Amino acid sequence: MNYIIGIGAIALGIWQLIVSKQYFDNMKKQSTPMIFSLIAVIFSMLFGAFAIVFGVLRIFH
């Protein structure tokens, strides 16, 4: 069960980082203010990194 949760968390983290990168690349085209866009990207990347670390710890623990 830990392997399934770990692999799922890693996949979610990788997907989140890819989406964050695409959002960051399109940030100049967004209609929202730049500060809110930066906050959204930073929290999205932090969540992705947390999910990857959580997944790795879940697999190897």
PDB file of N, CA and C in Angstrom:
ATOM      1  N   MET A   1       0.817  -1.188   0.000  1.00  0.00           N
ATOM      2  CA  MET A   1       0.000   0.000   0.000  1.00  0.00           C
ATOM      3  C   MET A   1       0.867   1.260   0.000  1.00  0.00           C
ATOM      4  N   ASN A   2       1.988   1.212   0.737  1.00  0.00           N
ATOM      5  CA  ASN A   2       2.886   2.364   0.762  1.00  0.00           C
ATOM      6  C   ASN A   2       3.478   2.651  -0.612  1.00  0.00           C
ATOM      7  N   TYR A   3       3.724   1.601  -1.399  1.00  0.00           N
ATOM      8  CA  TYR A   3       4.271   1.802  -2.741  1.00  0.00           C
ATOM      9  C   TYR A   3       3.265   2.509  -3.641  1.00  0.00           C
ATOM     10  N   ILE A   4       2.012   2.139  -3.540  1.00  0.00           N
ATOM     11  CA  ILE A   4       0.980   2.761  -4.374  1.00  0.00           C
ATOM     12  C   ILE A   4       0.812   4.234  -4.004  1.00  0.00           C
ATOM     13  N   ILE A   5       0.760   4.520  -2.717  1.00  0.00           N
ATOM     14  CA  ILE A   5       0.632   5.908  -2.270  1.00  0.00           C
ATOM     15  C   ILE A   5       1.878   6.702  -2.655  1.00  0.00           C
ATOM     16  N   GLY A   6       3.045   6.109  -2.500  1.00  0.00           N
ATOM     17  CA  GLY A   6       4.297   6.788  -2.848  1.00  0.00           C
ATOM     18  C   GLY A   6       4.399   7.103  -4.327  1.00  0.00           C
ATOM     19  N   ILE A   7       4.070   6.137  -5.164  1.00  0.00           N
ATOM     20  CA  ILE A   7       4.127   6.350  -6.613  1.00  0.00           C
ATOM     21  C   ILE A   7       3.089   7.389  -7.042  1.00  0.00           C
ATOM     22  N   GLY A   8       1.913   7.327  -6.451  1.00  0.00           N
ATOM     23  CA  GLY A   8       0.883   8.320  -6.750  1.00  0.00           C
ATOM     24  C   GLY A   8       1.308   9.719  -6.351  1.00  0.00           C
ATOM     25  N   ALA A   9       1.929   9.857  -5.190  1.00  0.00           N
ATOM     26  CA  ALA A   9       2.389  11.171  -4.726  1.00  0.00           C
ATOM     27  C   ALA A   9       3.499  11.705  -5.619  1.00  0.00           C
ATOM     28  N   ILE A  10       4.403  10.829  -6.052  1.00  0.00           N
ATOM     29  CA  ILE A  10       5.472  11.260  -6.949  1.00  0.00           C
ATOM     30  C   ILE A  10       4.894  11.701  -8.297  1.00  0.00           C
ATOM     31  N   ALA A  11       3.945  10.931  -8.817  1.00  0.00           N
ATOM     32  CA  ALA A  11       3.318  11.298 -10.091  1.00  0.00           C
ATOM     33  C   ALA A  11       2.576  12.632  -9.959  1.00  0.00           C
ATOM     34  N   LEU A  12       1.874  12.825  -8.865  1.00  0.00           N
ATOM     35  CA  LEU A  12       1.166  14.086  -8.629  1.00  0.00           C
ATOM     36  C   LEU A  12       2.147  15.246  -8.530  1.00  0.00           C
ATOM     37  N   GLY A  13       3.262  15.041  -7.849  1.00  0.00           N
ATOM     38  CA  GLY A  13       4.272  16.091  -7.714  1.00  0.00           C
ATOM     39  C   GLY A  13       4.893  16.465  -9.045  1.00  0.00           C
ATOM     40  N   ILE A  14       5.210  15.470  -9.863  1.00  0.00           N
ATOM     41  CA  ILE A  14       5.786  15.740 -11.181  1.00  0.00           C
ATOM     42  C   ILE A  14       4.785  16.473 -12.058  1.00  0.00           C
ATOM     43  N   TRP A  15       3.532  16.030 -12.033  1.00  0.00           N
ATOM     44  CA  TRP A  15       2.492  16.703 -12.816  1.00  0.00           C
ATOM     45  C   TRP A  15       2.328  18.146 -12.355  1.00  0.00           C
ATOM     46  N   GLN A  16       2.364  18.371 -11.049  1.00  0.00           N
ATOM     47  CA  GLN A  16       2.207  19.718 -10.510  1.00  0.00           C
ATOM     48  C   GLN A  16       3.354  20.618 -10.942  1.00  0.00           C
ATOM     49  N   LEU A  17       4.569  20.106 -10.969  1.00  0.00           N
ATOM     50  CA  LEU A  17       5.707  20.909 -11.408  1.00  0.00           C
ATOM     51  C   LEU A  17       5.614  21.238 -12.896  1.00  0.00           C
ATOM     52  N   ILE A  18       5.142  20.298 -13.699  1.00  0.00           N
ATOM     53  CA  ILE A  18       4.976  20.551 -15.138  1.00  0.00           C
ATOM     54  C   ILE A  18       3.928  21.630 -15.367  1.00  0.00           C
ATOM     55  N   VAL A  19       2.801  21.535 -14.662  1.00  0.00           N
ATOM     56  CA  VAL A  19       1.744  22.543 -14.795  1.00  0.00           C
ATOM     57  C   VAL A  19       2.244  23.910 -14.316  1.00  0.00           C
ATOM     58  N   SER A  20       3.017  23.934 -13.230  1.00  0.00           N
ATOM     59  CA  SER A  20       3.561  25.190 -12.727  1.00  0.00           C
ATOM     60  C   SER A  20       4.495  25.827 -13.747  1.00  0.00           C
ATOM     61  N   LYS A  21       5.298  25.010 -14.392  1.00  0.00           N
ATOM     62  CA  LYS A  21       6.222  25.520 -15.421  1.00  0.00           C
ATOM     63  C   LYS A  21       5.448  26.115 -16.586  1.00  0.00           C
ATOM     64  N   GLN A  22       4.394  25.444 -17.031  1.00  0.00           N
ATOM     65  CA  GLN A  22       3.585  25.974 -18.127  1.00  0.00           C
ATOM     66  C   GLN A  22       2.896  27.273 -17.715  1.00  0.00           C
ATOM     67  N   TYR A  23       2.401  27.341 -16.500  1.00  0.00           N
ATOM     68  CA  TYR A  23       1.760  28.561 -16.008  1.00  0.00           C
ATOM     69  C   TYR A  23       2.772  29.690 -15.915  1.00  0.00           C
ATOM     70  N   PHE A  24       3.985  29.371 -15.459  1.00  0.00           N
ATOM     71  CA  PHE A  24       5.043  30.379 -15.355  1.00  0.00           C
ATOM     72  C   PHE A  24       5.421  30.905 -16.739  1.00  0.00           C
ATOM     73  N   ASP A  25       5.486  30.020 -17.734  1.00  0.00           N
ATOM     74  CA  ASP A  25       5.816  30.446 -19.093  1.00  0.00           C
ATOM     75  C   ASP A  25       4.746  31.353 -19.685  1.00  0.00           C
ATOM     76  N   ASN A  26       3.485  31.152 -19.310  1.00  0.00           N
ATOM     77  CA  ASN A  26       2.380  31.952 -19.840  1.00  0.00           C
ATOM     78  C   ASN A  26       1.976  33.094 -18.916  1.00  0.00           C
ATOM     79  N   MET A  27       2.791  33.398 -17.921  1.00  0.00           N
ATOM     80  CA  MET A  27       2.401  34.371 -16.911  1.00  0.00           C
ATOM     81  C   MET A  27       2.209  35.774 -17.497  1.00  0.00           C
ATOM     82  N   LYS A  28       2.978  36.144 -18.504  1.00  0.00           N
ATOM     83  CA  LYS A  28       2.858  37.483 -19.075  1.00  0.00           C
ATOM     84  C   LYS A  28       1.538  37.668 -19.810  1.00  0.00           C
ATOM     85  N   LYS A  29       0.927  36.579 -20.246  1.00  0.00           N
ATOM     86  CA  LYS A  29      -0.340  36.639 -20.963  1.00  0.00           C
ATOM     87  C   LYS A  29      -1.548  36.639 -20.024  1.00  0.00           C
ATOM     88  N   GLN A  30      -1.312  36.404 -18.732  1.00  0.00           N
ATOM     89  CA  GLN A  30      -2.414  36.322 -17.773  1.00  0.00           C
ATOM     90  C   GLN A  30      -2.979  37.708 -17.478  1.00  0.00           C
ATOM     91  N   SER A  31      -4.252  37.739 -17.149  1.00  0.00           N
ATOM     92  CA  SER A  31      -4.891  39.016 -16.823  1.00  0.00           C
ATOM     93  C   SER A  31      -4.804  39.341 -15.329  1.00  0.00           C
ATOM     94  N   THR A  32      -4.365  38.379 -14.523  1.00  0.00           N
ATOM     95  CA  THR A  32      -4.255  38.622 -13.084  1.00  0.00           C
ATOM     96  C   THR A  32      -2.992  39.443 -12.799  1.00  0.00           C
ATOM     97  N   PRO A  33      -2.976  40.155 -11.690  1.00  0.00           N
ATOM     98  CA  PRO A  33      -1.766  40.920 -11.331  1.00  0.00           C
ATOM     99  C   PRO A  33      -0.569  39.987 -11.139  1.00  0.00           C
ATOM    100  N   MET A  34       0.606  40.499 -11.437  1.00  0.00           N
ATOM    101  CA  MET A  34       1.829  39.690 -11.425  1.00  0.00           C
ATOM    102  C   MET A  34       2.121  39.105 -10.042  1.00  0.00           C
ATOM    103  N   ILE A  35       1.869  39.850  -8.966  1.00  0.00           N
ATOM    104  CA  ILE A  35       2.186  39.358  -7.624  1.00  0.00           C
ATOM    105  C   ILE A  35       1.339  38.133  -7.282  1.00  0.00           C
ATOM    106  N   PHE A  36       0.072  38.133  -7.674  1.00  0.00           N
ATOM    107  CA  PHE A  36      -0.778  36.974  -7.400  1.00  0.00           C
ATOM    108  C   PHE A  36      -0.349  35.770  -8.237  1.00  0.00           C
ATOM    109  N   SER A  37       0.093  36.015  -9.444  1.00  0.00           N
ATOM    110  CA  SER A  37       0.579  34.935 -10.292  1.00  0.00           C
ATOM    111  C   SER A  37       1.842  34.313  -9.705  1.00  0.00           C
ATOM    112  N   LEU A  38       2.741  35.155  -9.211  1.00  0.00           N
ATOM    113  CA  LEU A  38       3.966  34.637  -8.600  1.00  0.00           C
ATOM    114  C   LEU A  38       3.662  33.830  -7.344  1.00  0.00           C
ATOM    115  N   ILE A  39       2.741  34.316  -6.524  1.00  0.00           N
ATOM    116  CA  ILE A  39       2.359  33.580  -5.316  1.00  0.00           C
ATOM    117  C   ILE A  39       1.771  32.218  -5.695  1.00  0.00           C
ATOM    118  N   ALA A  40       0.915  32.186  -6.707  1.00  0.00           N
ATOM    119  CA  ALA A  40       0.306  30.927  -7.143  1.00  0.00           C
ATOM    120  C   ALA A  40       1.356  29.951  -7.652  1.00  0.00           C
ATOM    121  N   VAL A  41       2.313  30.434  -8.434  1.00  0.00           N
ATOM    122  CA  VAL A  41       3.362  29.560  -8.969  1.00  0.00           C
ATOM    123  C   VAL A  41       4.252  29.045  -7.851  1.00  0.00           C
ATOM    124  N   ILE A  42       4.615  29.907  -6.918  1.00  0.00           N
ATOM    125  CA  ILE A  42       5.493  29.478  -5.817  1.00  0.00           C
ATOM    126  C   ILE A  42       4.818  28.407  -4.971  1.00  0.00           C
ATOM    127  N   PHE A  43       3.554  28.620  -4.601  1.00  0.00           N
ATOM    128  CA  PHE A  43       2.868  27.614  -3.791  1.00  0.00           C
ATOM    129  C   PHE A  43       2.631  26.321  -4.575  1.00  0.00           C
ATOM    130  N   SER A  44       2.389  26.441  -5.857  1.00  0.00           N
ATOM    131  CA  SER A  44       2.200  25.258  -6.689  1.00  0.00           C
ATOM    132  C   SER A  44       3.486  24.443  -6.765  1.00  0.00           C
ATOM    133  N   MET A  45       4.611  25.127  -6.930  1.00  0.00           N
ATOM    134  CA  MET A  45       5.901  24.423  -6.977  1.00  0.00           C
ATOM    135  C   MET A  45       6.258  23.821  -5.622  1.00  0.00           C
ATOM    136  N   LEU A  46       5.937  24.529  -4.552  1.00  0.00           N
ATOM    137  CA  LEU A  46       6.195  23.975  -3.219  1.00  0.00           C
ATOM    138  C   LEU A  46       5.354  22.726  -2.973  1.00  0.00           C
ATOM    139  N   PHE A  47       4.107  22.757  -3.406  1.00  0.00           N
ATOM    140  CA  PHE A  47       3.254  21.585  -3.257  1.00  0.00           C
ATOM    141  C   PHE A  47       3.799  20.414  -4.075  1.00  0.00           C
ATOM    142  N   GLY A  48       4.257  20.687  -5.293  1.00  0.00           N
ATOM    143  CA  GLY A  48       4.839  19.634  -6.119  1.00  0.00           C
ATOM    144  C   GLY A  48       6.079  19.026  -5.484  1.00  0.00           C
ATOM    145  N   ALA A  49       6.942  19.876  -4.946  1.00  0.00           N
ATOM    146  CA  ALA A  49       8.150  19.381  -4.288  1.00  0.00           C
ATOM    147  C   ALA A  49       7.797  18.575  -3.038  1.00  0.00           C
ATOM    148  N   PHE A  50       6.828  19.049  -2.262  1.00  0.00           N
ATOM    149  CA  PHE A  50       6.393  18.320  -1.075  1.00  0.00           C
ATOM    150  C   PHE A  50       5.833  16.953  -1.455  1.00  0.00           C
ATOM    151  N   ALA A  51       5.037  16.893  -2.524  1.00  0.00           N
ATOM    152  CA  ALA A  51       4.448  15.620  -2.943  1.00  0.00           C
ATOM    153  C   ALA A  51       5.528  14.633  -3.378  1.00  0.00           C
ATOM    154  N   ILE A  52       6.549  15.113  -4.073  1.00  0.00           N
ATOM    155  CA  ILE A  52       7.636  14.223  -4.505  1.00  0.00           C
ATOM    156  C   ILE A  52       8.410  13.697  -3.296  1.00  0.00           C
ATOM    157  N   VAL A  53       8.743  14.576  -2.374  1.00  0.00           N
ATOM    158  CA  VAL A  53       9.480  14.145  -1.173  1.00  0.00           C
ATOM    159  C   VAL A  53       8.636  13.181  -0.347  1.00  0.00           C
ATOM    160  N   PHE A  54       7.344  13.486  -0.183  1.00  0.00           N
ATOM    161  CA  PHE A  54       6.455  12.610   0.551  1.00  0.00           C
ATOM    162  C   PHE A  54       6.384  11.218  -0.106  1.00  0.00           C
ATOM    163  N   GLY A  55       6.300  11.206  -1.432  1.00  0.00           N
ATOM    164  CA  GLY A  55       6.244   9.934  -2.147  1.00  0.00           C
ATOM    165  C   GLY A  55       7.497   9.107  -1.984  1.00  0.00           C
ATOM    166  N   VAL A  56       8.645   9.755  -2.070  1.00  0.00           N
ATOM    167  CA  VAL A  56       9.926   9.044  -1.908  1.00  0.00           C
ATOM    168  C   VAL A  56      10.054   8.513  -0.482  1.00  0.00           C
ATOM    169  N   LEU A  57       9.691   9.322   0.501  1.00  0.00           N
ATOM    170  CA  LEU A  57       9.768   8.867   1.888  1.00  0.00           C
ATOM    171  C   LEU A  57       8.778   7.721   2.138  1.00  0.00           C
ATOM    172  N   ARG A  58       7.625   7.783   1.504  1.00  0.00           N
ATOM    173  CA  ARG A  58       6.606   6.740   1.684  1.00  0.00           C
ATOM    174  C   ARG A  58       7.076   5.406   1.083  1.00  0.00           C
ATOM    175  N   ILE A  59       7.779   5.478  -0.032  1.00  0.00           N
ATOM    176  CA  ILE A  59       8.268   4.251  -0.678  1.00  0.00           C
ATOM    177  C   ILE A  59       9.402   3.625   0.137  1.00  0.00           C
ATOM    178  N   PHE A  60      10.348   4.432   0.579  1.00  0.00           N
ATOM    179  CA  PHE A  60      11.540   3.895   1.228  1.00  0.00           C
ATOM    180  C   PHE A  60      11.416   3.759   2.736  1.00  0.00           C
ATOM    181  N   HIS A  61      10.277   4.078   3.301  1.00  0.00           N
ATOM    182  CA  HIS A  61      10.125   3.961   4.741  1.00  0.00           C
ATOM    183  C   HIS A  61       9.490   2.656   5.111  1.00  0.00           C
TER     184      HIS A  61
END
